[in-house]
Protein backbone atom coordinates (compact mmCIF):
# COMPACT_ATOMS: atom_id res chain seq x y z
CA UNK A 1 101.00 123.80 120.74
CA UNK A 2 101.70 120.11 121.29
CA UNK A 3 102.83 120.66 124.88
CA UNK A 4 99.52 122.30 125.83
CA UNK A 5 97.00 120.01 124.14
CA UNK A 6 97.19 117.06 126.53
CA UNK A 7 93.43 116.86 127.15
CA UNK A 8 92.29 117.37 123.59
CA UNK A 9 92.47 119.95 120.84
CA UNK A 10 92.50 123.67 121.48
CA UNK A 11 89.27 125.57 120.94
CA UNK A 12 90.94 127.61 118.17
CA UNK A 13 94.12 126.17 116.63
CA UNK A 14 94.25 128.47 113.58
CA UNK A 15 97.86 128.67 112.40
CA UNK A 16 99.33 126.69 115.28
CA UNK A 17 98.98 123.29 113.62
CA UNK A 18 100.84 124.50 110.50
CA UNK A 19 104.14 124.76 112.38
CA UNK A 20 106.67 121.96 112.42
CA UNK A 21 110.42 121.93 112.84
CA UNK A 22 111.06 121.63 109.10
CA UNK A 23 108.60 124.25 107.81
CA UNK A 24 109.24 127.04 110.33
CA UNK A 25 105.87 128.65 109.56
CA UNK A 26 105.97 132.29 110.60
CA UNK A 27 103.38 133.23 113.21
CA UNK A 28 103.83 136.91 112.24
CA UNK A 29 103.64 136.20 108.52
CA UNK A 30 100.81 136.55 106.05
CA UNK A 31 98.76 133.74 107.60
CA UNK A 32 98.04 134.85 111.16
CA UNK A 33 97.92 132.51 114.12
CA UNK A 34 95.07 132.69 116.63
CA UNK A 35 95.96 134.85 119.63
CA UNK A 36 99.32 136.05 118.29
CA UNK A 37 99.86 139.77 117.79
CA UNK A 38 103.07 141.12 116.27
CA UNK A 39 104.78 144.49 116.01
CA UNK A 40 105.67 146.29 112.79
CA UNK A 41 109.41 145.70 113.00
CA UNK A 42 111.41 143.78 110.41
CA UNK A 43 111.41 140.96 111.13
CA UNK A 44 108.13 141.18 113.05
CA UNK A 45 108.20 140.05 116.67
CA UNK A 46 105.44 138.70 118.93
CA UNK A 47 104.37 141.41 121.39
CA UNK A 48 101.08 139.95 122.65
CA UNK A 49 99.87 136.39 123.15
CA UNK A 50 96.21 135.99 124.08
CA UNK A 51 95.09 132.37 124.37
CA UNK A 52 92.48 132.87 127.07
CA UNK A 53 89.73 130.21 127.30
CA UNK A 54 91.29 128.13 124.54
CA UNK A 55 91.33 124.67 126.12
CA UNK A 56 95.07 124.62 126.85
CA UNK A 57 96.31 122.05 129.35
CA UNK A 58 99.63 120.74 130.59
CA UNK A 59 102.82 122.61 131.43
CA UNK A 60 103.46 126.20 130.42
CA UNK A 61 106.16 125.79 127.76
CA UNK A 62 109.57 127.27 128.61
CA UNK A 63 109.78 128.56 125.02
CA UNK A 64 107.49 131.43 126.03
CA UNK A 65 110.60 132.88 127.67
CA UNK A 66 112.16 133.19 124.22
CA UNK A 67 109.62 135.85 123.24
CA UNK A 68 111.85 138.77 124.23
CA UNK A 69 109.48 141.52 123.06
CA UNK A 70 106.37 140.02 124.66
CA UNK A 71 104.44 142.75 126.49
CA UNK A 72 101.13 140.99 127.18
CA UNK A 73 100.57 137.31 127.98
CA UNK A 74 97.04 136.06 128.72
CA UNK A 75 96.69 132.34 129.36
CA UNK A 76 93.76 132.68 131.76
CA UNK A 77 90.86 130.25 131.94
CA UNK A 78 92.89 127.25 130.77
CA UNK A 79 94.26 124.24 132.65
CA UNK A 80 97.96 125.08 132.60
CA UNK A 81 100.53 124.15 135.24
CA UNK A 82 103.82 125.71 136.20
CA UNK A 83 105.23 129.19 136.19
CA UNK A 84 105.68 131.70 133.43
CA UNK A 85 109.35 131.57 132.45
CA UNK A 86 111.54 134.65 132.63
CA UNK A 87 112.46 136.13 129.28
CA UNK A 88 115.85 135.03 128.04
CA UNK A 89 118.39 137.72 127.37
């Protein structure tokens, strides 16, 4: 979130601002995060990330490559730079 809000806040930040390194808020938990869709596995994993037209700017974070079960990624209509990282194995 912080890496892609260089030009101001996102249009919809629901859930994203609750995360910090000490709380480890779960984006697949009870309180859903905007644009995050998870599977039904235990633990749940992110399978779709749709942040289209959400006011994102800056570099595409390399952490996206850590989403190993990601099937759909839509970051269109934002002001992002860089390439989409390969998933880590």
